């Protein structure tokens, strides 16, 4: 049986937890790097827009006007994927 390697941790549990939380928050704050990433990040808002009567074409035009250039077919595909991921069926 091999001896366990000693841990070399600097700081308390609270220090490590705070450092991990900061790293998590920084990663979460990064902007998505792809159209799919933007659709996934904006999913709740996009669903709300649909529920408020926006057509997918209107949503695509609105996204494109903000620099997120997406076709109607691609938008629909990404929305289906995001919905499937959230429902756990992906």
N, C-alpha and C. Protein backbone atom coordinates (compact mmCIF):
# COMPACT_ATOMS: atom_id res chain seq x y z
N UNK A 1 0.84 -1.17 0.00
CA UNK A 1 0.00 0.00 0.00
C UNK A 1 0.89 1.24 0.00
N UNK A 2 0.59 2.16 -0.89
CA UNK A 2 1.39 3.38 -0.99
C UNK A 2 0.95 4.38 0.08
N UNK A 3 1.92 5.11 0.58
CA UNK A 3 1.62 6.16 1.56
C UNK A 3 0.96 7.32 0.83
N UNK A 4 0.02 7.95 1.49
CA UNK A 4 -0.66 9.10 0.90
C UNK A 4 0.30 10.28 0.85
N UNK A 5 0.24 10.99 -0.23
CA UNK A 5 1.07 12.17 -0.40
C UNK A 5 0.47 13.29 0.45
N UNK A 6 1.29 13.99 1.24
CA UNK A 6 0.74 15.07 2.07
C UNK A 6 0.25 16.24 1.22
N UNK A 7 -0.80 16.86 1.68
CA UNK A 7 -1.34 18.02 0.97
C UNK A 7 -0.51 19.25 1.27
N UNK A 8 -0.35 20.07 0.28
CA UNK A 8 0.39 21.32 0.44
C UNK A 8 -0.56 22.47 0.13
N UNK A 9 -1.44 22.78 1.07
CA UNK A 9 -2.47 23.79 0.86
C UNK A 9 -2.13 25.02 1.69
N UNK A 10 -2.09 26.16 1.01
CA UNK A 10 -1.86 27.39 1.75
C UNK A 10 -3.20 28.09 1.97
N UNK A 11 -3.50 28.37 3.19
CA UNK A 11 -4.76 29.04 3.51
C UNK A 11 -5.77 28.10 4.12
N UNK A 12 -6.81 28.70 4.62
CA UNK A 12 -7.87 27.95 5.29
C UNK A 12 -8.89 27.44 4.27
N UNK A 13 -9.82 26.66 4.74
CA UNK A 13 -10.92 26.20 3.89
C UNK A 13 -11.67 27.41 3.34
N UNK A 14 -11.91 28.41 4.19
CA UNK A 14 -12.61 29.61 3.74
C UNK A 14 -11.82 30.34 2.65
N UNK A 15 -10.48 30.39 2.79
CA UNK A 15 -9.65 31.03 1.77
C UNK A 15 -9.76 30.32 0.43
N UNK A 16 -9.68 28.99 0.47
CA UNK A 16 -9.77 28.21 -0.76
C UNK A 16 -11.16 28.36 -1.37
N UNK A 17 -12.20 28.32 -0.54
CA UNK A 17 -13.58 28.48 -1.04
C UNK A 17 -13.76 29.84 -1.69
N UNK A 18 -13.24 30.89 -1.06
CA UNK A 18 -13.36 32.24 -1.62
C UNK A 18 -12.62 32.34 -2.95
N UNK A 19 -11.45 31.73 -3.02
CA UNK A 19 -10.67 31.75 -4.26
C UNK A 19 -11.40 31.00 -5.38
N UNK A 20 -11.96 29.85 -5.06
CA UNK A 20 -12.72 29.09 -6.05
C UNK A 20 -13.96 29.87 -6.51
N UNK A 21 -14.65 30.50 -5.59
CA UNK A 21 -15.83 31.29 -5.94
C UNK A 21 -15.45 32.45 -6.85
N UNK A 22 -14.34 33.11 -6.59
CA UNK A 22 -13.89 34.20 -7.44
C UNK A 22 -13.60 33.69 -8.85
N UNK A 23 -12.90 32.56 -8.93
CA UNK A 23 -12.60 31.97 -10.24
C UNK A 23 -13.88 31.59 -10.97
N UNK A 24 -14.86 31.02 -10.26
CA UNK A 24 -16.14 30.66 -10.86
C UNK A 24 -16.87 31.88 -11.40
N UNK A 25 -16.88 32.96 -10.60
CA UNK A 25 -17.57 34.19 -10.99
C UNK A 25 -16.90 34.82 -12.21
N UNK A 26 -15.59 34.80 -12.25
CA UNK A 26 -14.86 35.36 -13.40
C UNK A 26 -15.19 34.57 -14.67
N UNK A 27 -15.21 33.26 -14.55
CA UNK A 27 -15.53 32.43 -15.71
C UNK A 27 -16.97 32.67 -16.17
N UNK A 28 -17.89 32.78 -15.23
CA UNK A 28 -19.29 33.00 -15.56
C UNK A 28 -19.51 34.36 -16.21
N UNK A 29 -18.65 35.33 -15.89
CA UNK A 29 -18.82 36.68 -16.41
C UNK A 29 -18.29 36.84 -17.84
N UNK A 30 -17.52 35.86 -18.30
CA UNK A 30 -16.99 35.94 -19.67
C UNK A 30 -18.13 35.88 -20.67
N UNK A 31 -17.98 36.64 -21.73
CA UNK A 31 -18.99 36.62 -22.78
C UNK A 31 -18.83 35.36 -23.62
N UNK A 32 -19.93 34.81 -24.07
CA UNK A 32 -19.85 33.63 -24.93
C UNK A 32 -19.05 33.94 -26.20
N UNK A 33 -18.39 32.93 -26.73
CA UNK A 33 -17.55 33.13 -27.91
C UNK A 33 -18.18 32.63 -29.20
N UNK A 34 -19.43 32.19 -29.14
CA UNK A 34 -20.09 31.68 -30.34
C UNK A 34 -21.56 32.08 -30.32
N UNK A 35 -22.18 31.97 -31.48
CA UNK A 35 -23.62 32.25 -31.56
C UNK A 35 -24.38 31.28 -30.67
N UNK A 36 -24.00 30.01 -30.70
CA UNK A 36 -24.67 29.02 -29.85
C UNK A 36 -24.53 29.41 -28.39
N UNK A 37 -23.35 29.84 -27.99
CA UNK A 37 -23.12 30.27 -26.61
C UNK A 37 -24.01 31.43 -26.21
N UNK A 38 -24.18 32.37 -27.14
CA UNK A 38 -25.07 33.51 -26.85
C UNK A 38 -26.51 33.05 -26.70
N UNK A 39 -26.96 32.18 -27.59
CA UNK A 39 -28.35 31.69 -27.51
C UNK A 39 -28.55 30.95 -26.19
N UNK A 40 -27.59 30.11 -25.81
CA UNK A 40 -27.72 29.38 -24.54
C UNK A 40 -27.73 30.35 -23.36
N UNK A 41 -26.85 31.36 -23.40
CA UNK A 41 -26.76 32.32 -22.30
C UNK A 41 -28.02 33.18 -22.19
N UNK A 42 -28.64 33.46 -23.33
CA UNK A 42 -29.83 34.33 -23.36
C UNK A 42 -31.13 33.53 -23.39
N UNK A 43 -31.04 32.23 -23.23
CA UNK A 43 -32.20 31.35 -23.42
C UNK A 43 -33.45 31.82 -22.67
N UNK A 44 -33.33 32.12 -21.39
CA UNK A 44 -34.52 32.52 -20.61
C UNK A 44 -35.16 33.78 -21.20
N UNK A 45 -34.34 34.74 -21.58
CA UNK A 45 -34.87 35.97 -22.18
C UNK A 45 -35.52 35.68 -23.52
N UNK A 46 -34.89 34.82 -24.32
CA UNK A 46 -35.44 34.49 -25.63
C UNK A 46 -36.78 33.76 -25.51
N UNK A 47 -36.90 32.88 -24.53
CA UNK A 47 -38.17 32.19 -24.28
C UNK A 47 -39.23 33.21 -23.85
N UNK A 48 -38.85 34.16 -23.02
CA UNK A 48 -39.78 35.21 -22.59
C UNK A 48 -40.25 36.03 -23.78
N UNK A 49 -39.33 36.32 -24.70
CA UNK A 49 -39.71 37.07 -25.90
C UNK A 49 -40.73 36.28 -26.71
N UNK A 50 -40.47 34.98 -26.88
CA UNK A 50 -41.45 34.13 -27.59
C UNK A 50 -42.80 34.16 -26.88
N UNK A 51 -42.77 34.04 -25.56
CA UNK A 51 -44.02 34.03 -24.78
C UNK A 51 -44.76 35.36 -24.88
N UNK A 52 -44.00 36.44 -25.13
CA UNK A 52 -44.62 37.76 -25.29
C UNK A 52 -45.10 38.01 -26.72
N UNK A 53 -45.00 36.98 -27.58
CA UNK A 53 -45.54 37.10 -28.93
C UNK A 53 -44.53 37.39 -30.03
N UNK A 54 -43.24 37.46 -29.68
CA UNK A 54 -42.22 37.68 -30.71
C UNK A 54 -42.11 36.43 -31.57
N UNK A 55 -42.00 36.61 -32.88
CA UNK A 55 -41.72 35.47 -33.76
C UNK A 55 -40.21 35.20 -33.72
N UNK A 56 -39.83 34.00 -34.11
CA UNK A 56 -38.41 33.68 -34.16
C UNK A 56 -37.68 34.61 -35.13
N UNK A 57 -38.33 34.96 -36.24
CA UNK A 57 -37.72 35.87 -37.21
C UNK A 57 -37.46 37.23 -36.57
N UNK A 58 -38.40 37.72 -35.78
CA UNK A 58 -38.20 39.01 -35.10
C UNK A 58 -37.05 38.93 -34.10
N UNK A 59 -36.98 37.82 -33.38
CA UNK A 59 -35.89 37.63 -32.41
C UNK A 59 -34.55 37.59 -33.15
N UNK A 60 -34.49 36.87 -34.26
CA UNK A 60 -33.25 36.80 -35.04
C UNK A 60 -32.82 38.19 -35.52
N UNK A 61 -33.77 38.99 -36.01
CA UNK A 61 -33.44 40.35 -36.45
C UNK A 61 -32.91 41.17 -35.27
N UNK A 62 -33.52 41.02 -34.12
CA UNK A 62 -33.09 41.76 -32.94
C UNK A 62 -31.69 41.34 -32.51
N UNK A 63 -31.41 40.03 -32.52
CA UNK A 63 -30.08 39.54 -32.18
C UNK A 63 -29.05 40.06 -33.18
N UNK A 64 -29.39 39.97 -34.48
CA UNK A 64 -28.48 40.42 -35.53
C UNK A 64 -28.16 41.91 -35.36
N UNK A 65 -29.15 42.70 -34.99
CA UNK A 65 -28.92 44.14 -34.81
C UNK A 65 -27.97 44.42 -33.64
N UNK A 66 -27.78 43.42 -32.79
CA UNK A 66 -26.87 43.55 -31.64
C UNK A 66 -25.54 42.83 -31.88
N UNK A 67 -25.32 42.40 -33.13
CA UNK A 67 -24.05 41.78 -33.47
C UNK A 67 -24.02 40.26 -33.36
N UNK A 68 -25.15 39.65 -33.04
CA UNK A 68 -25.24 38.19 -32.95
C UNK A 68 -25.95 37.73 -34.21
N UNK A 69 -25.19 37.54 -35.27
CA UNK A 69 -25.74 37.24 -36.59
C UNK A 69 -26.13 35.77 -36.67
N UNK A 70 -27.44 35.52 -36.67
CA UNK A 70 -27.94 34.15 -36.66
C UNK A 70 -29.10 34.02 -37.63
N UNK A 71 -29.09 32.93 -38.40
CA UNK A 71 -30.21 32.66 -39.31
C UNK A 71 -31.36 32.06 -38.52
N UNK A 72 -32.51 32.07 -39.13
CA UNK A 72 -33.71 31.53 -38.50
C UNK A 72 -33.54 30.04 -38.20
N UNK A 73 -33.02 29.29 -39.16
CA UNK A 73 -32.84 27.85 -38.96
C UNK A 73 -31.84 27.54 -37.85
N UNK A 74 -30.74 28.27 -37.84
CA UNK A 74 -29.72 28.06 -36.81
C UNK A 74 -30.25 28.44 -35.44
N UNK A 75 -30.99 29.55 -35.38
CA UNK A 75 -31.59 29.97 -34.11
C UNK A 75 -32.52 28.89 -33.57
N UNK A 76 -33.38 28.36 -34.44
CA UNK A 76 -34.32 27.32 -34.01
C UNK A 76 -33.57 26.09 -33.51
N UNK A 77 -32.51 25.70 -34.22
CA UNK A 77 -31.72 24.53 -33.82
C UNK A 77 -31.09 24.76 -32.44
N UNK A 78 -30.50 25.93 -32.22
CA UNK A 78 -29.86 26.22 -30.94
C UNK A 78 -30.87 26.31 -29.80
N UNK A 79 -32.05 26.83 -30.09
CA UNK A 79 -33.09 26.90 -29.06
C UNK A 79 -33.54 25.49 -28.67
N UNK A 80 -33.71 24.61 -29.67
CA UNK A 80 -34.09 23.22 -29.36
C UNK A 80 -33.01 22.54 -28.51
N UNK A 81 -31.75 22.76 -28.86
CA UNK A 81 -30.67 22.16 -28.09
C UNK A 81 -30.65 22.69 -26.65
N UNK A 82 -30.83 24.01 -26.51
CA UNK A 82 -30.82 24.60 -25.16
C UNK A 82 -31.98 24.05 -24.34
N UNK A 83 -33.15 23.92 -24.96
CA UNK A 83 -34.31 23.38 -24.26
C UNK A 83 -34.05 21.93 -23.84
N UNK A 84 -33.47 21.15 -24.73
CA UNK A 84 -33.18 19.75 -24.43
C UNK A 84 -32.15 19.64 -23.29
N UNK A 85 -31.14 20.47 -23.32
CA UNK A 85 -30.14 20.45 -22.24
C UNK A 85 -30.77 20.78 -20.90
N UNK A 86 -31.65 21.76 -20.90
CA UNK A 86 -32.29 22.17 -19.64
C UNK A 86 -33.27 21.13 -19.12
N UNK A 87 -33.90 20.42 -20.06
CA UNK A 87 -34.86 19.41 -19.61
C UNK A 87 -34.18 18.08 -19.32
N UNK A 88 -32.88 17.99 -19.62
CA UNK A 88 -32.14 16.79 -19.33
C UNK A 88 -32.27 15.70 -20.38
N UNK A 89 -32.83 16.03 -21.53
CA UNK A 89 -32.99 15.01 -22.56
C UNK A 89 -31.93 15.11 -23.64
N UNK A 90 -30.90 15.92 -23.41
CA UNK A 90 -29.84 16.07 -24.42
C UNK A 90 -28.85 14.93 -24.34
